[in-house]
Amino acid sequence: MDNIFLSLYTFELVLKIMGMGFIFNKGAYLRDAWNVLDFVIVASAYFTIFFSSASFSLSGLRAFRVLRPLRTISSIEGLKLLVSAFLSALPLLRDTIIILGFFFLIFAIGGV
């Protein structure tokens, strides 16, 4: 199943690159952050396949497979808008997140 999805994602990537251009056009494929994420995910999958027989360990790169469901965010406009809004709200919630983390730490220490 992994290879099937990798081939489908590669086919989509190639079609987008052929339609939009790779880097040099104004609306090129790698000028959008979501497409950069897609490209990194697909490239890391091929990197682990081609260099799995090398003498060094590539188990750390296999963690990028977890990011594959993020590709659906870039294809659904509503999810893209929701994630963008969430990421833009994080700096405004910085103090609240710090206090929440502090309380989680206190209760974790108390629970132990």
PDB file of N, CA and C in Angstrom:
ATOM      1  N   MET A   1       0.819  -1.189   0.000  1.00  0.00           N
ATOM      2  CA  MET A   1       0.000   0.000   0.000  1.00  0.00           C
ATOM      3  C   MET A   1       0.867   1.258   0.000  1.00  0.00           C
ATOM      4  N   ASP A   2       1.989   1.161   0.694  1.00  0.00           N
ATOM      5  CA  ASP A   2       2.876   2.323   0.775  1.00  0.00           C
ATOM      6  C   ASP A   2       3.364   2.730  -0.619  1.00  0.00           C
ATOM      7  N   ASN A   3       3.760   1.755  -1.398  1.00  0.00           N
ATOM      8  CA  ASN A   3       4.248   2.058  -2.750  1.00  0.00           C
ATOM      9  C   ASN A   3       3.137   2.557  -3.674  1.00  0.00           C
ATOM     10  N   ILE A   4       1.932   2.067  -3.472  1.00  0.00           N
ATOM     11  CA  ILE A   4       0.806   2.527  -4.290  1.00  0.00           C
ATOM     12  C   ILE A   4       0.526   4.002  -4.023  1.00  0.00           C
ATOM     13  N   PHE A   5       0.461   4.372  -2.750  1.00  0.00           N
ATOM     14  CA  PHE A   5       0.215   5.771  -2.424  1.00  0.00           C
ATOM     15  C   PHE A   5       1.377   6.654  -2.845  1.00  0.00           C
ATOM     16  N   LEU A   6       2.591   6.139  -2.726  1.00  0.00           N
ATOM     17  CA  LEU A   6       3.748   6.917  -3.170  1.00  0.00           C
ATOM     18  C   LEU A   6       3.690   7.165  -4.676  1.00  0.00           C
ATOM     19  N   SER A   7       3.280   6.170  -5.428  1.00  0.00           N
ATOM     20  CA  SER A   7       3.179   6.378  -6.872  1.00  0.00           C
ATOM     21  C   SER A   7       2.054   7.353  -7.224  1.00  0.00           C
ATOM     22  N   LEU A   8       0.935   7.297  -6.513  1.00  0.00           N
ATOM     23  CA  LEU A   8      -0.144   8.252  -6.750  1.00  0.00           C
ATOM     24  C   LEU A   8       0.279   9.675  -6.408  1.00  0.00           C
ATOM     25  N   TYR A   9       0.961   9.836  -5.276  1.00  0.00           N
ATOM     26  CA  TYR A   9       1.442  11.165  -4.887  1.00  0.00           C
ATOM     27  C   TYR A   9       2.483  11.679  -5.869  1.00  0.00           C
ATOM     28  N   THR A  10       3.307  10.789  -6.373  1.00  0.00           N
ATOM     29  CA  THR A  10       4.314  11.196  -7.362  1.00  0.00           C
ATOM     30  C   THR A  10       3.649  11.625  -8.655  1.00  0.00           C
ATOM     31  N   PHE A  11       2.632  10.902  -9.074  1.00  0.00           N
ATOM     32  CA  PHE A  11       1.897  11.261 -10.287  1.00  0.00           C
ATOM     33  C   PHE A  11       1.257  12.642 -10.137  1.00  0.00           C
ATOM     34  N   GLU A  12       0.660  12.894  -8.976  1.00  0.00           N
ATOM     35  CA  GLU A  12       0.067  14.211  -8.720  1.00  0.00           C
ATOM     36  C   GLU A  12       1.137  15.297  -8.723  1.00  0.00           C
ATOM     37  N   LEU A  13       2.278  15.028  -8.116  1.00  0.00           N
ATOM     38  CA  LEU A  13       3.374  15.985  -8.067  1.00  0.00           C
ATOM     39  C   LEU A  13       3.877  16.322  -9.460  1.00  0.00           C
ATOM     40  N   VAL A  14       4.042  15.313 -10.301  1.00  0.00           N
ATOM     41  CA  VAL A  14       4.535  15.537 -11.663  1.00  0.00           C
ATOM     42  C   VAL A  14       3.524  16.340 -12.476  1.00  0.00           C
ATOM     43  N   LEU A  15       2.237  16.012 -12.335  1.00  0.00           N
ATOM     44  CA  LEU A  15       1.219  16.771 -13.055  1.00  0.00           C
ATOM     45  C   LEU A  15       1.188  18.236 -12.623  1.00  0.00           C
ATOM     46  N   LYS A  16       1.319  18.491 -11.327  1.00  0.00           N
ATOM     47  CA  LYS A  16       1.329  19.867 -10.844  1.00  0.00           C
ATOM     48  C   LYS A  16       2.557  20.617 -11.336  1.00  0.00           C
ATOM     49  N   ILE A  17       3.701  19.956 -11.337  1.00  0.00           N
ATOM     50  CA  ILE A  17       4.931  20.607 -11.807  1.00  0.00           C
ATOM     51  C   ILE A  17       4.823  20.909 -13.296  1.00  0.00           C
ATOM     52  N   MET A  18       4.266  19.986 -14.064  1.00  0.00           N
ATOM     53  CA  MET A  18       4.104  20.228 -15.501  1.00  0.00           C
ATOM     54  C   MET A  18       3.122  21.369 -15.759  1.00  0.00           C
ATOM     55  N   GLY A  19       2.097  21.478 -14.956  1.00  0.00           N
ATOM     56  CA  GLY A  19       1.099  22.509 -15.161  1.00  0.00           C
ATOM     57  C   GLY A  19       1.502  23.880 -14.642  1.00  0.00           C
ATOM     58  N   MET A  20       2.215  23.917 -13.525  1.00  0.00           N
ATOM     59  CA  MET A  20       2.532  25.188 -12.881  1.00  0.00           C
ATOM     60  C   MET A  20       3.964  25.652 -13.113  1.00  0.00           C
ATOM     61  N   GLY A  21       4.827  24.773 -13.533  1.00  0.00           N
ATOM     62  CA  GLY A  21       6.246  25.095 -13.575  1.00  0.00           C
ATOM     63  C   GLY A  21       6.871  24.702 -12.241  1.00  0.00           C
ATOM     64  N   PHE A  22       8.190  24.583 -12.226  1.00  0.00           N
ATOM     65  CA  PHE A  22       8.824  24.097 -11.000  1.00  0.00           C
ATOM     66  C   PHE A  22       9.168  25.232 -10.045  1.00  0.00           C
ATOM     67  N   ILE A  23       9.967  26.202 -10.498  1.00  0.00           N
ATOM     68  CA  ILE A  23      10.414  27.239  -9.576  1.00  0.00           C
ATOM     69  C   ILE A  23      10.373  28.633 -10.176  1.00  0.00           C
ATOM     70  N   PHE A  24      10.576  28.774 -11.462  1.00  0.00           N
ATOM     71  CA  PHE A  24      10.884  30.067 -12.045  1.00  0.00           C
ATOM     72  C   PHE A  24       9.659  30.900 -12.429  1.00  0.00           C
ATOM     73  N   ASN A  25       8.499  30.305 -12.602  1.00  0.00           N
ATOM     74  CA  ASN A  25       7.301  31.077 -12.933  1.00  0.00           C
ATOM     75  C   ASN A  25       6.783  31.813 -11.703  1.00  0.00           C
ATOM     76  N   LYS A  26       5.896  32.774 -11.920  1.00  0.00           N
ATOM     77  CA  LYS A  26       5.339  33.515 -10.798  1.00  0.00           C
ATOM     78  C   LYS A  26       4.452  32.616  -9.925  1.00  0.00           C
ATOM     79  N   GLY A  27       3.657  31.766 -10.538  1.00  0.00           N
ATOM     80  CA  GLY A  27       2.798  30.853  -9.789  1.00  0.00           C
ATOM     81  C   GLY A  27       3.349  29.450  -9.767  1.00  0.00           C
ATOM     82  N   ALA A  28       4.660  29.310  -9.645  1.00  0.00           N
ATOM     83  CA  ALA A  28       5.325  28.014  -9.753  1.00  0.00           C
ATOM     84  C   ALA A  28       4.987  27.106  -8.577  1.00  0.00           C
ATOM     85  N   TYR A  29       5.285  25.852  -8.762  1.00  0.00           N
ATOM     86  CA  TYR A  29       4.964  24.808  -7.786  1.00  0.00           C
ATOM     87  C   TYR A  29       5.640  25.053  -6.446  1.00  0.00           C
ATOM     88  N   LEU A  30       6.910  25.350  -6.446  1.00  0.00           N
ATOM     89  CA  LEU A  30       7.641  25.509  -5.191  1.00  0.00           C
ATOM     90  C   LEU A  30       7.517  26.905  -4.587  1.00  0.00           C
ATOM     91  N   ARG A  31       6.663  27.745  -5.122  1.00  0.00           N
ATOM     92  CA  ARG A  31       6.442  29.070  -4.533  1.00  0.00           C
ATOM     93  C   ARG A  31       5.308  29.046  -3.510  1.00  0.00           C
ATOM     94  N   ASP A  32       4.618  27.924  -3.397  1.00  0.00           N
ATOM     95  CA  ASP A  32       3.560  27.763  -2.413  1.00  0.00           C
ATOM     96  C   ASP A  32       4.072  26.871  -1.290  1.00  0.00           C
ATOM     97  N   ALA A  33       3.870  27.277  -0.043  1.00  0.00           N
ATOM     98  CA  ALA A  33       4.403  26.523   1.101  1.00  0.00           C
ATOM     99  C   ALA A  33       3.783  25.136   1.208  1.00  0.00           C
ATOM    100  N   TRP A  34       2.521  24.993   0.844  1.00  0.00           N
ATOM    101  CA  TRP A  34       1.880  23.682   0.908  1.00  0.00           C
ATOM    102  C   TRP A  34       2.500  22.730  -0.112  1.00  0.00           C
ATOM    103  N   ASN A  35       2.838  23.244  -1.274  1.00  0.00           N
ATOM    104  CA  ASN A  35       3.476  22.402  -2.283  1.00  0.00           C
ATOM    105  C   ASN A  35       4.897  22.036  -1.875  1.00  0.00           C
ATOM    106  N   VAL A  36       5.577  22.915  -1.177  1.00  0.00           N
ATOM    107  CA  VAL A  36       6.918  22.588  -0.664  1.00  0.00           C
ATOM    108  C   VAL A  36       6.812  21.439   0.325  1.00  0.00           C
ATOM    109  N   LEU A  37       5.788  21.479   1.195  1.00  0.00           N
ATOM    110  CA  LEU A  37       5.569  20.384   2.141  1.00  0.00           C
ATOM    111  C   LEU A  37       5.314  19.078   1.400  1.00  0.00           C
ATOM    112  N   ASP A  38       4.475  19.113   0.363  1.00  0.00           N
ATOM    113  CA  ASP A  38       4.203  17.913  -0.435  1.00  0.00           C
ATOM    114  C   ASP A  38       5.482  17.383  -1.079  1.00  0.00           C
ATOM    115  N   PHE A  39       6.284  18.281  -1.626  1.00  0.00           N
ATOM    116  CA  PHE A  39       7.518  17.879  -2.290  1.00  0.00           C
ATOM    117  C   PHE A  39       8.499  17.242  -1.302  1.00  0.00           C
ATOM    118  N   VAL A  40       8.616  17.801  -0.110  1.00  0.00           N
ATOM    119  CA  VAL A  40       9.528  17.249   0.898  1.00  0.00           C
ATOM    120  C   VAL A  40       9.073  15.859   1.341  1.00  0.00           C
ATOM    121  N   ILE A  41       7.774  15.682   1.500  1.00  0.00           N
ATOM    122  CA  ILE A  41       7.255  14.379   1.919  1.00  0.00           C
ATOM    123  C   ILE A  41       7.530  13.315   0.857  1.00  0.00           C
ATOM    124  N   VAL A  42       7.245  13.631  -0.390  1.00  0.00           N
ATOM    125  CA  VAL A  42       7.470  12.660  -1.470  1.00  0.00           C
ATOM    126  C   VAL A  42       8.962  12.406  -1.665  1.00  0.00           C
ATOM    127  N   ALA A  43       9.781  13.458  -1.622  1.00  0.00           N
ATOM    128  CA  ALA A  43      11.224  13.291  -1.807  1.00  0.00           C
ATOM    129  C   ALA A  43      11.840  12.471  -0.677  1.00  0.00           C
ATOM    130  N   SER A  44      11.376  12.669   0.560  1.00  0.00           N
ATOM    131  CA  SER A  44      11.923  11.886   1.667  1.00  0.00           C
ATOM    132  C   SER A  44      11.543  10.413   1.543  1.00  0.00           C
ATOM    133  N   ALA A  45      10.366  10.131   0.996  1.00  0.00           N
ATOM    134  CA  ALA A  45       9.976   8.733   0.788  1.00  0.00           C
ATOM    135  C   ALA A  45      10.885   8.075  -0.239  1.00  0.00           C
ATOM    136  N   TYR A  46      11.185   8.789  -1.330  1.00  0.00           N
ATOM    137  CA  TYR A  46      12.097   8.222  -2.324  1.00  0.00           C
ATOM    138  C   TYR A  46      13.524   8.126  -1.790  1.00  0.00           C
ATOM    139  N   PHE A  47      13.911   9.069  -0.961  1.00  0.00           N
ATOM    140  CA  PHE A  47      15.259   9.034  -0.383  1.00  0.00           C
ATOM    141  C   PHE A  47      15.447   7.792   0.481  1.00  0.00           C
ATOM    142  N   THR A  48      14.430   7.451   1.287  1.00  0.00           N
ATOM    143  CA  THR A  48      14.540   6.252   2.119  1.00  0.00           C
ATOM    144  C   THR A  48      14.508   4.980   1.291  1.00  0.00           C
ATOM    145  N   ILE A  49      13.796   4.988   0.158  1.00  0.00           N
ATOM    146  CA  ILE A  49      13.752   3.788  -0.703  1.00  0.00           C
ATOM    147  C   ILE A  49      15.095   3.569  -1.395  1.00  0.00           C
ATOM    148  N   PHE A  50      15.649   4.632  -1.989  1.00  0.00           N
ATOM    149  CA  PHE A  50      16.873   4.484  -2.783  1.00  0.00           C
ATOM    150  C   PHE A  50      18.118   4.280  -1.937  1.00  0.00           C
ATOM    151  N   PHE A  51      18.139   4.843  -0.749  1.00  0.00           N
ATOM    152  CA  PHE A  51      19.341   4.750   0.067  1.00  0.00           C
ATOM    153  C   PHE A  51      19.161   3.846   1.279  1.00  0.00           C
ATOM    154  N   SER A  52      18.214   2.927   1.229  1.00  0.00           N
ATOM    155  CA  SER A  52      17.986   2.022   2.363  1.00  0.00           C
ATOM    156  C   SER A  52      19.083   0.984   2.486  1.00  0.00           C
ATOM    157  N   SER A  53      19.792   0.694   1.413  1.00  0.00           N
ATOM    158  CA  SER A  53      20.866  -0.296   1.479  1.00  0.00           C
ATOM    159  C   SER A  53      22.213   0.332   1.818  1.00  0.00           C
ATOM    160  N   ALA A  54      22.229   1.624   2.088  1.00  0.00           N
ATOM    161  CA  ALA A  54      23.491   2.308   2.409  1.00  0.00           C
ATOM    162  C   ALA A  54      23.961   1.898   3.799  1.00  0.00           C
ATOM    163  N   SER A  55      25.190   2.237   4.110  1.00  0.00           N
ATOM    164  CA  SER A  55      25.784   1.819   5.379  1.00  0.00           C
ATOM    165  C   SER A  55      25.299   2.658   6.560  1.00  0.00           C
ATOM    166  N   PHE A  56      24.671   3.810   6.298  1.00  0.00           N
ATOM    167  CA  PHE A  56      24.187   4.641   7.391  1.00  0.00           C
ATOM    168  C   PHE A  56      22.689   4.420   7.584  1.00  0.00           C
ATOM    169  N   SER A  57      22.200   4.756   8.763  1.00  0.00           N
ATOM    170  CA  SER A  57      20.813   4.492   9.117  1.00  0.00           C
ATOM    171  C   SER A  57      19.904   5.636   8.654  1.00  0.00           C
ATOM    172  N   LEU A  58      18.794   5.270   8.047  1.00  0.00           N
ATOM    173  CA  LEU A  58      17.820   6.250   7.579  1.00  0.00           C
ATOM    174  C   LEU A  58      16.504   6.156   8.338  1.00  0.00           C
ATOM    175  N   SER A  59      16.529   5.571   9.517  1.00  0.00           N
ATOM    176  CA  SER A  59      15.287   5.397  10.261  1.00  0.00           C
ATOM    177  C   SER A  59      14.702   6.737  10.695  1.00  0.00           C
ATOM    178  N   GLY A  60      15.520   7.748  10.834  1.00  0.00           N
ATOM    179  CA  GLY A  60      15.007   9.070  11.184  1.00  0.00           C
ATOM    180  C   GLY A  60      14.188   9.689  10.075  1.00  0.00           C
ATOM    181  N   LEU A  61      14.542   9.401   8.818  1.00  0.00           N
ATOM    182  CA  LEU A  61      13.780   9.940   7.695  1.00  0.00           C
ATOM    183  C   LEU A  61      12.431   9.259   7.522  1.00  0.00           C
ATOM    184  N   ARG A  62      12.292   8.082   8.062  1.00  0.00           N
ATOM    185  CA  ARG A  62      11.007   7.391   7.966  1.00  0.00           C
ATOM    186  C   ARG A  62       9.940   8.081   8.803  1.00  0.00           C
ATOM    187  N   ALA A  63      10.368   8.948   9.697  1.00  0.00           N
ATOM    188  CA  ALA A  63       9.396   9.710  10.486  1.00  0.00           C
ATOM    189  C   ALA A  63       8.610  10.677   9.618  1.00  0.00           C
ATOM    190  N   PHE A  64       9.140  11.041   8.442  1.00  0.00           N
ATOM    191  CA  PHE A  64       8.419  11.927   7.535  1.00  0.00           C
ATOM    192  C   PHE A  64       7.171  11.259   6.964  1.00  0.00           C
ATOM    193  N   ARG A  65       7.063   9.949   7.065  1.00  0.00           N
ATOM    194  CA  ARG A  65       5.873   9.261   6.582  1.00  0.00           C
ATOM    195  C   ARG A  65       4.639   9.672   7.382  1.00  0.00           C
ATOM    196  N   VAL A  66       4.871  10.117   8.607  1.00  0.00           N
ATOM    197  CA  VAL A  66       3.763  10.570   9.440  1.00  0.00           C
ATOM    198  C   VAL A  66       3.124  11.820   8.845  1.00  0.00           C
ATOM    199  N   LEU A  67       3.894  12.583   8.079  1.00  0.00           N
ATOM    200  CA  LEU A  67       3.400  13.831   7.510  1.00  0.00           C
ATOM    201  C   LEU A  67       2.532  13.626   6.267  1.00  0.00           C
ATOM    202  N   ARG A  68       2.424  12.419   5.784  1.00  0.00           N
ATOM    203  CA  ARG A  68       1.654  12.180   4.558  1.00  0.00           C
ATOM    204  C   ARG A  68       0.193  12.597   4.669  1.00  0.00           C
ATOM    205  N   PRO A  69      -0.479  12.388   5.798  1.00  0.00           N
ATOM    206  CA  PRO A  69      -1.867  12.876   5.867  1.00  0.00           C
ATOM    207  C   PRO A  69      -1.982  14.396   5.732  1.00  0.00           C
ATOM    208  N   LEU A  70      -0.904  15.131   5.957  1.00  0.00           N
ATOM    209  CA  LEU A  70      -0.944  16.579   5.771  1.00  0.00           C
ATOM    210  C   LEU A  70      -1.143  16.957   4.305  1.00  0.00           C
ATOM    211  N   ARG A  71      -0.890  16.043   3.405  1.00  0.00           N
ATOM    212  CA  ARG A  71      -1.090  16.326   1.988  1.00  0.00           C
ATOM    213  C   ARG A  71      -2.561  16.553   1.682  1.00  0.00           C
ATOM    214  N   THR A  72      -3.453  15.937   2.455  1.00  0.00           N
ATOM    215  CA  THR A  72      -4.877  16.156   2.214  1.00  0.00           C
ATOM    216  C   THR A  72      -5.282  17.581   2.569  1.00  0.00           C
ATOM    217  N   ILE A  73      -4.570  18.198   3.504  1.00  0.00           N
ATOM    218  CA  ILE A  73      -4.874  19.576   3.871  1.00  0.00           C
ATOM    219  C   ILE A  73      -4.647  20.495   2.682  1.00  0.00           C
ATOM    220  N   SER A  74      -3.587  20.246   1.933  1.00  0.00           N
ATOM    221  CA  SER A  74      -3.280  21.136   0.825  1.00  0.00           C
ATOM    222  C   SER A  74      -4.249  20.966  -0.343  1.00  0.00           C
ATOM    223  N   SER A  75      -4.956  19.850  -0.409  1.00  0.00           N
ATOM    224  CA  SER A  75      -5.879  19.650  -1.519  1.00  0.00           C
ATOM    225  C   SER A  75      -7.299  20.123  -1.205  1.00  0.00           C
ATOM    226  N   ILE A  76      -7.648  20.253   0.064  1.00  0.00           N
ATOM    227  CA  ILE A  76      -8.980  20.708   0.459  1.00  0.00           C
ATOM    228  C   ILE A  76      -8.874  22.147   0.933  1.00  0.00           C
ATOM    229  N   GLU A  77      -9.537  23.052   0.229  1.00  0.00           N
ATOM    230  CA  GLU A  77      -9.396  24.492   0.485  1.00  0.00           C
ATOM    231  C   GLU A  77      -9.873  24.886   1.880  1.00  0.00           C
ATOM    232  N   GLY A  78     -10.946  24.272   2.356  1.00  0.00           N
ATOM    233  CA  GLY A  78     -11.465  24.597   3.684  1.00  0.00           C
ATOM    234  C   GLY A  78     -10.489  24.226   4.791  1.00  0.00           C
ATOM    235  N   LEU A  79      -9.857  23.058   4.660  1.00  0.00           N
ATOM    236  CA  LEU A  79      -8.863  22.646   5.657  1.00  0.00           C
ATOM    237  C   LEU A  79      -7.638  23.538   5.615  1.00  0.00           C
ATOM    238  N   LYS A  80      -7.263  23.955   4.420  1.00  0.00           N
ATOM    239  CA  LYS A  80      -6.110  24.857   4.283  1.00  0.00           C
ATOM    240  C   LYS A  80      -6.388  26.178   4.993  1.00  0.00           C
ATOM    241  N   LEU A  81      -7.595  26.694   4.834  1.00  0.00           N
ATOM    242  CA  LEU A  81      -7.985  27.933   5.490  1.00  0.00           C
ATOM    243  C   LEU A  81      -8.026  27.770   7.001  1.00  0.00           C
ATOM    244  N   LEU A  82      -8.534  26.634   7.468  1.00  0.00           N
ATOM    245  CA  LEU A  82      -8.617  26.370   8.897  1.00  0.00           C
ATOM    246  C   LEU A  82      -7.230  26.269   9.531  1.00  0.00           C
ATOM    247  N   VAL A  83      -6.320  25.555   8.893  1.00  0.00           N
ATOM    248  CA  VAL A  83      -4.959  25.415   9.425  1.00  0.00           C
ATOM    249  C   VAL A  83      -4.229  26.750   9.387  1.00  0.00           C
ATOM    250  N   SER A  84      -4.418  27.524   8.333  1.00  0.00           N
ATOM    251  CA  SER A  84      -3.782  28.843   8.256  1.00  0.00           C
ATOM    252  C   SER A  84      -4.292  29.761   9.359  1.00  0.00           C
ATOM    253  N   ALA A  85      -5.586  29.724   9.631  1.00  0.00           N
ATOM    254  CA  ALA A  85      -6.156  30.541  10.704  1.00  0.00           C
ATOM    255  C   ALA A  85      -5.629  30.097  12.063  1.00  0.00           C
ATOM    256  N   PHE A  86      -5.516  28.793  12.257  1.00  0.00           N
ATOM    257  CA  PHE A  86      -4.985  28.271  13.526  1.00  0.00           C
ATOM    258  C   PHE A  86      -3.533  28.696  13.728  1.00  0.00           C
ATOM    259  N   LEU A  87      -2.728  28.597  12.681  1.00  0.00           N
ATOM    260  CA  LEU A  87      -1.314  28.974  12.798  1.00  0.00           C
ATOM    261  C   LEU A  87      -1.146  30.478  12.986  1.00  0.00           C
ATOM    262  N   SER A  88      -2.028  31.277  12.416  1.00  0.00           N
ATOM    263  CA  SER A  88      -1.928  32.723  12.623  1.00  0.00           C
ATOM    264  C   SER A  88      -2.417  33.127  14.009  1.00  0.00           C
ATOM    265  N   ALA A  89      -3.241  32.302  14.667  1.00  0.00           N
ATOM    266  CA  ALA A  89      -3.732  32.608  16.010  1.00  0.00           C
ATOM    267  C   ALA A  89      -2.757  32.179  17.103  1.00  0.00           C
ATOM    268  N   LEU A  90      -1.808  31.315  16.788  1.00  0.00           N
ATOM    269  CA  LEU A  90      -0.879  30.826  17.815  1.00  0.00           C
ATOM    270  C   LEU A  90      -0.056  31.923  18.485  1.00  0.00           C
ATOM    271  N   PRO A  91       0.475  32.916  17.763  1.00  0.00           N
ATOM    272  CA  PRO A  91       1.225  33.969  18.468  1.00  0.00           C
ATOM    273  C   PRO A  91       0.359  34.756  19.453  1.00  0.00           C
ATOM    274  N   LEU A  92      -0.916  34.903  19.160  1.00  0.00           N
ATOM    275  CA  LEU A  92      -1.804  35.611  20.077  1.00  0.00           C
ATOM    276  C   LEU A  92      -2.102  34.797  21.328  1.00  0.00           C
ATOM    277  N   LEU A  93      -1.987  33.496  21.225  1.00  0.00           N
ATOM    278  CA  LEU A  93      -2.261  32.608  22.355  1.00  0.00           C
ATOM    279  C   LEU A  93      -1.009  32.196  23.106  1.00  0.00           C
ATOM    280  N   ARG A  94       0.120  32.832  22.836  1.00  0.00           N
ATOM    281  CA  ARG A  94       1.402  32.440  23.420  1.00  0.00           C
ATOM    282  C   ARG A  94       1.352  32.409  24.944  1.00  0.00           C
ATOM    283  N   ASP A  95       0.855  33.454  25.590  1.00  0.00           N
ATOM    284  CA  ASP A  95       0.830  33.499  27.053  1.00  0.00           C
ATOM    285  C   ASP A  95      -0.082  32.432  27.626  1.00  0.00           C
ATOM    286  N   THR A  96      -1.211  32.210  26.984  1.00  0.00           N
ATOM    287  CA  THR A  96      -2.136  31.183  27.450  1.00  0.00           C
ATOM    288  C   THR A  96      -1.519  29.795  27.342  1.00  0.00           C
ATOM    289  N   ILE A  97      -0.800  29.532  26.267  1.00  0.00           N
ATOM    290  CA  ILE A  97      -0.149  28.231  26.083  1.00  0.00           C
ATOM    291  C   ILE A  97       0.950  28.025  27.118  1.00  0.00           C
ATOM    292  N   ILE A  98       1.685  29.074  27.458  1.00  0.00           N
ATOM    293  CA  ILE A  98       2.738  28.968  28.478  1.00  0.00           C
ATOM    294  C   ILE A  98       2.134  28.648  29.837  1.00  0.00           C
ATOM    295  N   ILE A  99       1.056  29.330  30.215  1.00  0.00           N
ATOM    296  CA  ILE A  99       0.403  29.070  31.502  1.00  0.00           C
ATOM    297  C   ILE A  99      -0.185  27.663  31.526  1.00  0.00           C
ATOM    298  N   LEU A 100      -0.804  27.249  30.434  1.00  0.00           N
ATOM    299  CA  LEU A 100      -1.370  25.904  30.357  1.00  0.00           C
ATOM    300  C   LEU A 100      -0.276  24.849  30.491  1.00  0.00           C
ATOM    301  N   GLY A 101       0.849  25.055  29.806  1.00  0.00           N
ATOM    302  CA  GLY A 101       1.980  24.135  29.939  1.00  0.00           C
ATOM    303  C   GLY A 101       2.509  24.081  31.354  1.00  0.00           C
ATOM    304  N   PHE A 102       2.539  25.237  32.031  1.00  0.00           N
ATOM    305  CA  PHE A 102       2.994  25.275  33.426  1.00  0.00           C
ATOM    306  C   PHE A 102       2.063  24.456  34.315  1.00  0.00           C
ATOM    307  N   PHE A 103       0.744  24.624  34.136  1.00  0.00           N
ATOM    308  CA  PHE A 103      -0.198  23.848  34.929  1.00  0.00           C
ATOM    309  C   PHE A 103      -0.110  22.356  34.621  1.00  0.00           C
ATOM    310  N   PHE A 104       0.082  21.997  33.357  1.00  0.00           N
ATOM    311  CA  PHE A 104       0.269  20.582  33.022  1.00  0.00           C
ATOM    312  C   PHE A 104       1.503  20.025  33.704  1.00  0.00           C
ATOM    313  N   LEU A 105       2.559  20.800  33.752  1.00  0.00           N
ATOM    314  CA  LEU A 105       3.789  20.358  34.418  1.00  0.00           C
ATOM    315  C   LEU A 105       3.559  20.165  35.907  1.00  0.00           C
ATOM    316  N   ILE A 106       2.883  21.102  36.559  1.00  0.00           N
ATOM    317  CA  ILE A 106       2.611  20.993  37.988  1.00  0.00           C
ATOM    318  C   ILE A 106       1.775  19.751  38.289  1.00  0.00           C
ATOM    319  N   PHE A 107       0.718  19.539  37.509  1.00  0.00           N
ATOM    320  CA  PHE A 107      -0.135  18.375  37.763  1.00  0.00           C
ATOM    321  C   PHE A 107       0.555  17.063  37.385  1.00  0.00           C
ATOM    322  N   ALA A 108       1.442  17.090  36.411  1.00  0.00           N
ATOM    323  CA  ALA A 108       2.209  15.881  36.078  1.00  0.00           C
ATOM    324  C   ALA A 108       3.153  15.524  37.205  1.00  0.00           C
ATOM    325  N   ILE A 109       3.805  16.534  37.779  1.00  0.00           N
ATOM    326  CA  ILE A 109       4.701  16.276  38.916  1.00  0.00           C
ATOM    327  C   ILE A 109       3.884  15.773  40.105  1.00  0.00           C
ATOM    328  N   GLY A 110       2.720  16.385  40.328  1.00  0.00           N
ATOM    329  CA  GLY A 110       1.871  15.932  41.425  1.00  0.00           C
ATOM    330  C   GLY A 110       1.328  14.539  41.188  1.00  0.00           C
ATOM    331  N   GLY A 111       1.054  14.186  39.956  1.00  0.00           N
ATOM    332  CA  GLY A 111       0.539  12.860  39.655  1.00  0.00           C
ATOM    333  C   GLY A 111       1.564  11.761  39.831  1.00  0.00           C
ATOM    334  N   VAL A 112       2.826  12.116  39.658  1.00  0.00           N
ATOM    335  CA  VAL A 112       3.885  11.113  39.824  1.00  0.00           C
ATOM    336  C   VAL A 112       4.100  10.874  41.303  1.00  0.00           C
TER     337      VAL A 112
END
